[in-house]
Amino acid sequence: MSEPVITTGHYTNRYAAVDVEELEEWAWLLARLEDWLGHAQPDTRADWEDFAGPCGAGLEEIVYVLGHWAMRMRDLAEGRS
């Protein structure tokens, strides 16, 4: 992977420019993680609950967000906005 270019937007938000080709790789990785966590074994679920604590995001919430990130990156990689 290449070194990202960091830029600042109008409201001082920082953005990293990433090669479009890399977006598909990130989308693939996120989709694999989403699938793995979505089918997590009971011991993995218990480990996550211990790690996140009572106020942390649940595993289902994490899976939901990963799915949206993967779709968004694929859309960007394919030129859809």
PDB file of N, CA and C in Angstrom:
ATOM      1  N   MET A   1       0.833  -1.179   0.000  1.00  0.00           N
ATOM      2  CA  MET A   1       0.000   0.000   0.000  1.00  0.00           C
ATOM      3  C   MET A   1       0.875   1.238   0.000  1.00  0.00           C
ATOM      4  N   SER A   2       0.346   2.262  -0.581  1.00  0.00           N
ATOM      5  CA  SER A   2       1.097   3.505  -0.687  1.00  0.00           C
ATOM      6  C   SER A   2       0.825   4.412   0.511  1.00  0.00           C
ATOM      7  N   GLU A   3       1.680   5.372   0.679  1.00  0.00           N
ATOM      8  CA  GLU A   3       1.554   6.357   1.747  1.00  0.00           C
ATOM      9  C   GLU A   3       0.401   7.303   1.404  1.00  0.00           C
ATOM     10  N   PRO A   4      -0.626   7.437   2.275  1.00  0.00           N
ATOM     11  CA  PRO A   4      -1.744   8.324   1.949  1.00  0.00           C
ATOM     12  C   PRO A   4      -1.360   9.802   2.069  1.00  0.00           C
ATOM     13  N   VAL A   5      -1.988  10.597   1.239  1.00  0.00           N
ATOM     14  CA  VAL A   5      -1.825  12.049   1.295  1.00  0.00           C
ATOM     15  C   VAL A   5      -2.873  12.569   2.270  1.00  0.00           C
ATOM     16  N   ILE A   6      -2.445  13.342   3.257  1.00  0.00           N
ATOM     17  CA  ILE A   6      -3.367  13.894   4.246  1.00  0.00           C
ATOM     18  C   ILE A   6      -3.691  15.325   3.847  1.00  0.00           C
ATOM     19  N   THR A   7      -4.971  15.644   3.832  1.00  0.00           N
ATOM     20  CA  THR A   7      -5.412  16.996   3.509  1.00  0.00           C
ATOM     21  C   THR A   7      -6.458  17.423   4.532  1.00  0.00           C
ATOM     22  N   THR A   8      -6.768  18.691   4.567  1.00  0.00           N
ATOM     23  CA  THR A   8      -7.743  19.225   5.509  1.00  0.00           C
ATOM     24  C   THR A   8      -8.887  19.857   4.738  1.00  0.00           C
ATOM     25  N   GLY A   9     -10.126  19.548   5.159  1.00  0.00           N
ATOM     26  CA  GLY A   9     -11.316  20.085   4.518  1.00  0.00           C
ATOM     27  C   GLY A   9     -11.678  21.459   5.056  1.00  0.00           C
ATOM     28  N   HIS A  10     -12.792  21.956   4.579  1.00  0.00           N
ATOM     29  CA  HIS A  10     -13.272  23.302   4.919  1.00  0.00           C
ATOM     30  C   HIS A  10     -13.424  23.509   6.427  1.00  0.00           C
ATOM     31  N   TYR A  11     -13.910  22.511   7.130  1.00  0.00           N
ATOM     32  CA  TYR A  11     -14.125  22.624   8.567  1.00  0.00           C
ATOM     33  C   TYR A  11     -12.991  21.993   9.374  1.00  0.00           C
ATOM     34  N   THR A  12     -11.816  21.989   8.830  1.00  0.00           N
ATOM     35  CA  THR A  12     -10.586  21.437   9.413  1.00  0.00           C
ATOM     36  C   THR A  12     -10.658  19.934   9.670  1.00  0.00           C
ATOM     37  N   ASN A  13     -11.596  19.247   9.002  1.00  0.00           N
ATOM     38  CA  ASN A  13     -11.608  17.790   9.060  1.00  0.00           C
ATOM     39  C   ASN A  13     -10.428  17.284   8.244  1.00  0.00           C
ATOM     40  N   ARG A  14      -9.748  16.274   8.767  1.00  0.00           N
ATOM     41  CA  ARG A  14      -8.606  15.696   8.048  1.00  0.00           C
ATOM     42  C   ARG A  14      -9.085  14.541   7.177  1.00  0.00           C
ATOM     43  N   TYR A  15      -8.562  14.471   5.969  1.00  0.00           N
ATOM     44  CA  TYR A  15      -8.904  13.420   5.024  1.00  0.00           C
ATOM     45  C   TYR A  15      -7.626  12.785   4.494  1.00  0.00           C
ATOM     46  N   ALA A  16      -7.699  11.499   4.247  1.00  0.00           N
ATOM     47  CA  ALA A  16      -6.566  10.794   3.656  1.00  0.00           C
ATOM     48  C   ALA A  16      -6.944  10.375   2.247  1.00  0.00           C
ATOM     49  N   ALA A  17      -6.134  10.744   1.286  1.00  0.00           N
ATOM     50  CA  ALA A  17      -6.347  10.327  -0.098  1.00  0.00           C
ATOM     51  C   ALA A  17      -5.772   8.928  -0.253  1.00  0.00           C
ATOM     52  N   VAL A  18      -6.593   8.009  -0.716  1.00  0.00           N
ATOM     53  CA  VAL A  18      -6.191   6.613  -0.879  1.00  0.00           C
ATOM     54  C   VAL A  18      -6.352   6.245  -2.343  1.00  0.00           C
ATOM     55  N   ASP A  19      -5.415   5.472  -2.876  1.00  0.00           N
ATOM     56  CA  ASP A  19      -5.543   5.005  -4.252  1.00  0.00           C
ATOM     57  C   ASP A  19      -6.835   4.208  -4.388  1.00  0.00           C
ATOM     58  N   VAL A  20      -7.565   4.460  -5.457  1.00  0.00           N
ATOM     59  CA  VAL A  20      -8.838   3.784  -5.685  1.00  0.00           C
ATOM     60  C   VAL A  20      -8.668   2.274  -5.689  1.00  0.00           C
ATOM     61  N   GLU A  21      -7.567   1.788  -6.229  1.00  0.00           N
ATOM     62  CA  GLU A  21      -7.328   0.351  -6.272  1.00  0.00           C
ATOM     63  C   GLU A  21      -7.261  -0.254  -4.871  1.00  0.00           C
ATOM     64  N   GLU A  22      -6.811   0.525  -3.906  1.00  0.00           N
ATOM     65  CA  GLU A  22      -6.708   0.029  -2.538  1.00  0.00           C
ATOM     66  C   GLU A  22      -8.076  -0.070  -1.869  1.00  0.00           C
ATOM     67  N   LEU A  23      -9.043   0.710  -2.331  1.00  0.00           N
ATOM     68  CA  LEU A  23     -10.364   0.668  -1.717  1.00  0.00           C
ATOM     69  C   LEU A  23     -10.989  -0.718  -1.841  1.00  0.00           C
ATOM     70  N   GLU A  24     -10.797  -1.355  -2.981  1.00  0.00           N
ATOM     71  CA  GLU A  24     -11.348  -2.696  -3.161  1.00  0.00           C
ATOM     72  C   GLU A  24     -10.700  -3.678  -2.193  1.00  0.00           C
ATOM     73  N   GLU A  25      -9.400  -3.526  -1.935  1.00  0.00           N
ATOM     74  CA  GLU A  25      -8.729  -4.393  -0.967  1.00  0.00           C
ATOM     75  C   GLU A  25      -9.291  -4.177   0.440  1.00  0.00           C
ATOM     76  N   TRP A  26      -9.501  -2.927   0.807  1.00  0.00           N
ATOM     77  CA  TRP A  26     -10.085  -2.622   2.110  1.00  0.00           C
ATOM     78  C   TRP A  26     -11.509  -3.153   2.194  1.00  0.00           C
ATOM     79  N   ALA A  27     -12.275  -2.993   1.125  1.00  0.00           N
ATOM     80  CA  ALA A  27     -13.650  -3.501   1.111  1.00  0.00           C
ATOM     81  C   ALA A  27     -13.661  -5.011   1.301  1.00  0.00           C
ATOM     82  N   TRP A  28     -12.746  -5.712   0.623  1.00  0.00           N
ATOM     83  CA  TRP A  28     -12.669  -7.160   0.749  1.00  0.00           C
ATOM     84  C   TRP A  28     -12.368  -7.548   2.192  1.00  0.00           C
ATOM     85  N   LEU A  29     -11.386  -6.883   2.792  1.00  0.00           N
ATOM     86  CA  LEU A  29     -11.000  -7.189   4.164  1.00  0.00           C
ATOM     87  C   LEU A  29     -12.155  -6.942   5.131  1.00  0.00           C
ATOM     88  N   LEU A  30     -12.835  -5.812   4.994  1.00  0.00           N
ATOM     89  CA  LEU A  30     -13.952  -5.506   5.886  1.00  0.00           C
ATOM     90  C   LEU A  30     -15.088  -6.503   5.717  1.00  0.00           C
ATOM     91  N   ALA A  31     -15.356  -6.907   4.477  1.00  0.00           N
ATOM     92  CA  ALA A  31     -16.416  -7.884   4.236  1.00  0.00           C
ATOM     93  C   ALA A  31     -16.072  -9.235   4.862  1.00  0.00           C
ATOM     94  N   ARG A  32     -14.804  -9.639   4.777  1.00  0.00           N
ATOM     95  CA  ARG A  32     -14.379 -10.897   5.403  1.00  0.00           C
ATOM     96  C   ARG A  32     -14.529 -10.825   6.918  1.00  0.00           C
ATOM     97  N   LEU A  33     -14.157  -9.688   7.502  1.00  0.00           N
ATOM     98  CA  LEU A  33     -14.282  -9.509   8.949  1.00  0.00           C
ATOM     99  C   LEU A  33     -15.758  -9.490   9.355  1.00  0.00           C
ATOM    100  N   GLU A  34     -16.576  -8.822   8.558  1.00  0.00           N
ATOM    101  CA  GLU A  34     -18.016  -8.796   8.823  1.00  0.00           C
ATOM    102  C   GLU A  34     -18.582 -10.215   8.829  1.00  0.00           C
ATOM    103  N   ASP A  35     -18.221 -11.007   7.837  1.00  0.00           N
ATOM    104  CA  ASP A  35     -18.725 -12.376   7.741  1.00  0.00           C
ATOM    105  C   ASP A  35     -18.252 -13.221   8.926  1.00  0.00           C
ATOM    106  N   TRP A  36     -16.979 -13.104   9.266  1.00  0.00           N
ATOM    107  CA  TRP A  36     -16.432 -13.881  10.373  1.00  0.00           C
ATOM    108  C   TRP A  36     -17.115 -13.519  11.687  1.00  0.00           C
ATOM    109  N   LEU A  37     -17.255 -12.233  11.960  1.00  0.00           N
ATOM    110  CA  LEU A  37     -17.892 -11.812  13.206  1.00  0.00           C
ATOM    111  C   LEU A  37     -19.384 -12.129  13.209  1.00  0.00           C
ATOM    112  N   GLY A  38     -20.010 -12.057  12.035  1.00  0.00           N
ATOM    113  CA  GLY A  38     -21.425 -12.384  11.947  1.00  0.00           C
ATOM    114  C   GLY A  38     -21.726 -13.842  12.234  1.00  0.00           C
ATOM    115  N   HIS A  39     -20.729 -14.687  12.060  1.00  0.00           N
ATOM    116  CA  HIS A  39     -20.890 -16.118  12.334  1.00  0.00           C
ATOM    117  C   HIS A  39     -19.983 -16.556  13.490  1.00  0.00           C
ATOM    118  N   ALA A  40     -19.723 -15.636  14.401  1.00  0.00           N
ATOM    119  CA  ALA A  40     -18.793 -15.906  15.500  1.00  0.00           C
ATOM    120  C   ALA A  40     -19.302 -17.010  16.412  1.00  0.00           C
ATOM    121  N   GLN A  41     -18.376 -17.796  16.881  1.00  0.00           N
ATOM    122  CA  GLN A  41     -18.673 -18.863  17.834  1.00  0.00           C
ATOM    123  C   GLN A  41     -18.996 -18.238  19.200  1.00  0.00           C
ATOM    124  N   PRO A  42     -19.698 -18.970  20.060  1.00  0.00           N
ATOM    125  CA  PRO A  42     -20.065 -18.425  21.371  1.00  0.00           C
ATOM    126  C   PRO A  42     -18.880 -17.915  22.185  1.00  0.00           C
ATOM    127  N   ASP A  43     -17.721 -18.585  22.105  1.00  0.00           N
ATOM    128  CA  ASP A  43     -16.572 -18.114  22.890  1.00  0.00           C
ATOM    129  C   ASP A  43     -16.044 -16.779  22.358  1.00  0.00           C
ATOM    130  N   THR A  44     -16.119 -16.574  21.036  1.00  0.00           N
ATOM    131  CA  THR A  44     -15.704 -15.289  20.461  1.00  0.00           C
ATOM    132  C   THR A  44     -16.666 -14.191  20.888  1.00  0.00           C
ATOM    133  N   ARG A  45     -17.959 -14.500  20.878  1.00  0.00           N
ATOM    134  CA  ARG A  45     -18.964 -13.525  21.331  1.00  0.00           C
ATOM    135  C   ARG A  45     -18.726 -13.152  22.806  1.00  0.00           C
ATOM    136  N   ALA A  46     -18.436 -14.143  23.617  1.00  0.00           N
ATOM    137  CA  ALA A  46     -18.175 -13.884  25.037  1.00  0.00           C
ATOM    138  C   ALA A  46     -16.925 -13.031  25.212  1.00  0.00           C
ATOM    139  N   ASP A  47     -15.879 -13.317  24.427  1.00  0.00           N
ATOM    140  CA  ASP A  47     -14.659 -12.508  24.486  1.00  0.00           C
ATOM    141  C   ASP A  47     -14.965 -11.061  24.122  1.00  0.00           C
ATOM    142  N   TRP A  48     -15.780 -10.863  23.092  1.00  0.00           N
ATOM    143  CA  TRP A  48     -16.119  -9.498  22.681  1.00  0.00           C
ATOM    144  C   TRP A  48     -16.893  -8.779  23.776  1.00  0.00           C
ATOM    145  N   GLU A  49     -17.854  -9.463  24.381  1.00  0.00           N
ATOM    146  CA  GLU A  49     -18.638  -8.840  25.445  1.00  0.00           C
ATOM    147  C   GLU A  49     -17.754  -8.461  26.622  1.00  0.00           C
ATOM    148  N   ASP A  50     -16.783  -9.301  26.947  1.00  0.00           N
ATOM    149  CA  ASP A  50     -15.831  -8.970  28.021  1.00  0.00           C
ATOM    150  C   ASP A  50     -14.989  -7.762  27.643  1.00  0.00           C
ATOM    151  N   PHE A  51     -14.540  -7.713  26.395  1.00  0.00           N
ATOM    152  CA  PHE A  51     -13.698  -6.613  25.934  1.00  0.00           C
ATOM    153  C   PHE A  51     -14.479  -5.304  25.881  1.00  0.00           C
ATOM    154  N   ALA A  52     -15.675  -5.329  25.310  1.00  0.00           N
ATOM    155  CA  ALA A  52     -16.454  -4.107  25.092  1.00  0.00           C
ATOM    156  C   ALA A  52     -17.081  -3.588  26.375  1.00  0.00           C
ATOM    157  N   GLY A  53     -17.388  -4.471  27.300  1.00  0.00           N
ATOM    158  CA  GLY A  53     -18.028  -4.048  28.535  1.00  0.00           C
ATOM    159  C   GLY A  53     -19.494  -3.730  28.327  1.00  0.00           C
ATOM    160  N   PRO A  54     -20.183  -3.365  29.393  1.00  0.00           N
ATOM    161  CA  PRO A  54     -21.626  -3.151  29.301  1.00  0.00           C
ATOM    162  C   PRO A  54     -22.034  -1.939  28.453  1.00  0.00           C
ATOM    163  N   CYS A  55     -21.148  -0.980  28.288  1.00  0.00           N
ATOM    164  CA  CYS A  55     -21.483   0.227  27.513  1.00  0.00           C
ATOM    165  C   CYS A  55     -20.913   0.210  26.106  1.00  0.00           C
ATOM    166  N   GLY A  56     -20.173  -0.828  25.760  1.00  0.00           N
ATOM    167  CA  GLY A  56     -19.549  -0.904  24.441  1.00  0.00           C
ATOM    168  C   GLY A  56     -20.529  -1.347  23.360  1.00  0.00           C
ATOM    169  N   ALA A  57     -20.098  -1.195  22.134  1.00  0.00           N
ATOM    170  CA  ALA A  57     -20.915  -1.626  21.004  1.00  0.00           C
ATOM    171  C   ALA A  57     -21.031  -3.144  21.001  1.00  0.00           C
ATOM    172  N   GLY A  58     -22.227  -3.626  20.723  1.00  0.00           N
ATOM    173  CA  GLY A  58     -22.438  -5.062  20.622  1.00  0.00           C
ATOM    174  C   GLY A  58     -21.868  -5.597  19.316  1.00  0.00           C
ATOM    175  N   LEU A  59     -21.665  -6.881  19.274  1.00  0.00           N
ATOM    176  CA  LEU A  59     -21.105  -7.503  18.084  1.00  0.00           C
ATOM    177  C   LEU A  59     -21.991  -7.278  16.866  1.00  0.00           C
ATOM    178  N   GLU A  60     -23.298  -7.303  17.052  1.00  0.00           N
ATOM    179  CA  GLU A  60     -24.212  -7.068  15.931  1.00  0.00           C
ATOM    180  C   GLU A  60     -24.038  -5.659  15.365  1.00  0.00           C
ATOM    181  N   GLU A  61     -23.821  -4.685  16.237  1.00  0.00           N
ATOM    182  CA  GLU A  61     -23.589  -3.317  15.775  1.00  0.00           C
ATOM    183  C   GLU A  61     -22.292  -3.213  14.976  1.00  0.00           C
ATOM    184  N   ILE A  62     -21.260  -3.891  15.426  1.00  0.00           N
ATOM    185  CA  ILE A  62     -19.980  -3.883  14.724  1.00  0.00           C
ATOM    186  C   ILE A  62     -20.142  -4.513  13.343  1.00  0.00           C
ATOM    187  N   VAL A  63     -20.834  -5.637  13.278  1.00  0.00           N
ATOM    188  CA  VAL A  63     -21.063  -6.317  12.001  1.00  0.00           C
ATOM    189  C   VAL A  63     -21.835  -5.410  11.046  1.00  0.00           C
ATOM    190  N   TYR A  64     -22.834  -4.715  11.554  1.00  0.00           N
ATOM    191  CA  TYR A  64     -23.642  -3.792  10.745  1.00  0.00           C
ATOM    192  C   TYR A  64     -22.775  -2.686  10.137  1.00  0.00           C
ATOM    193  N   VAL A  65     -21.941  -2.083  10.958  1.00  0.00           N
ATOM    194  CA  VAL A  65     -21.077  -0.992  10.485  1.00  0.00           C
ATOM    195  C   VAL A  65     -20.048  -1.506   9.480  1.00  0.00           C
ATOM    196  N   LEU A  66     -19.443  -2.647   9.749  1.00  0.00           N
ATOM    197  CA  LEU A  66     -18.468  -3.211   8.806  1.00  0.00           C
ATOM    198  C   LEU A  66     -19.106  -3.450   7.438  1.00  0.00           C
ATOM    199  N   GLY A  67     -20.333  -3.938   7.428  1.00  0.00           N
ATOM    200  CA  GLY A  67     -21.036  -4.166   6.164  1.00  0.00           C
ATOM    201  C   GLY A  67     -21.243  -2.875   5.387  1.00  0.00           C
ATOM    202  N   HIS A  68     -21.621  -1.819   6.075  1.00  0.00           N
ATOM    203  CA  HIS A  68     -21.810  -0.524   5.408  1.00  0.00           C
ATOM    204  C   HIS A  68     -20.495   0.046   4.901  1.00  0.00           C
ATOM    205  N   TRP A  69     -19.442  -0.091   5.679  1.00  0.00           N
ATOM    206  CA  TRP A  69     -18.128   0.393   5.219  1.00  0.00           C
ATOM    207  C   TRP A  69     -17.681  -0.347   3.971  1.00  0.00           C
ATOM    208  N   ALA A  70     -17.859  -1.667   3.974  1.00  0.00           N
ATOM    209  CA  ALA A  70     -17.451  -2.469   2.820  1.00  0.00           C
ATOM    210  C   ALA A  70     -18.226  -2.043   1.575  1.00  0.00           C
ATOM    211  N   MET A  71     -19.538  -1.874   1.698  1.00  0.00           N
ATOM    212  CA  MET A  71     -20.348  -1.441   0.547  1.00  0.00           C
ATOM    213  C   MET A  71     -19.928  -0.063   0.063  1.00  0.00           C
ATOM    214  N   ARG A  72     -19.673   0.845   0.995  1.00  0.00           N
ATOM    215  CA  ARG A  72     -19.286   2.215   0.629  1.00  0.00           C
ATOM    216  C   ARG A  72     -17.950   2.222  -0.115  1.00  0.00           C
ATOM    217  N   MET A  73     -16.997   1.454   0.359  1.00  0.00           N
ATOM    218  CA  MET A  73     -15.694   1.406  -0.302  1.00  0.00           C
ATOM    219  C   MET A  73     -15.795   0.792  -1.694  1.00  0.00           C
ATOM    220  N   ARG A  74     -16.632  -0.245  -1.840  1.00  0.00           N
ATOM    221  CA  ARG A  74     -16.836  -0.818  -3.169  1.00  0.00           C
ATOM    222  C   ARG A  74     -17.470   0.200  -4.115  1.00  0.00           C
ATOM    223  N   ASP A  75     -18.451   0.935  -3.612  1.00  0.00           N
ATOM    224  CA  ASP A  75     -19.088   1.970  -4.438  1.00  0.00           C
ATOM    225  C   ASP A  75     -18.053   3.010  -4.891  1.00  0.00           C
ATOM    226  N   LEU A  76     -17.230   3.454  -3.965  1.00  0.00           N
ATOM    227  CA  LEU A  76     -16.210   4.444  -4.322  1.00  0.00           C
ATOM    228  C   LEU A  76     -15.202   3.869  -5.308  1.00  0.00           C
ATOM    229  N   ALA A  77     -14.798   2.622  -5.104  1.00  0.00           N
ATOM    230  CA  ALA A  77     -13.830   1.985  -5.991  1.00  0.00           C
ATOM    231  C   ALA A  77     -14.385   1.837  -7.407  1.00  0.00           C
ATOM    232  N   GLU A  78     -15.694   1.672  -7.516  1.00  0.00           N
ATOM    233  CA  GLU A  78     -16.327   1.506  -8.815  1.00  0.00           C
ATOM    234  C   GLU A  78     -16.846   2.808  -9.397  1.00  0.00           C
ATOM    235  N   GLY A  79     -16.559   3.914  -8.729  1.00  0.00           N
ATOM    236  CA  GLY A  79     -16.934   5.234  -9.256  1.00  0.00           C
ATOM    237  C   GLY A  79     -18.337   5.688  -8.927  1.00  0.00           C
ATOM    238  N   ARG A  80     -19.017   4.963  -8.058  1.00  0.00           N
ATOM    239  CA  ARG A  80     -20.363   5.393  -7.638  1.00  0.00           C
ATOM    240  C   ARG A  80     -20.197   6.254  -6.385  1.00  0.00           C
ATOM    241  N   SER A  81     -20.952   7.314  -6.306  1.00  0.00           N
ATOM    242  CA  SER A  81     -20.831   8.183  -5.115  1.00  0.00           C
ATOM    243  C   SER A  81     -21.971   8.015  -4.170  1.00  0.00           C
TER     244      SER A  81
END
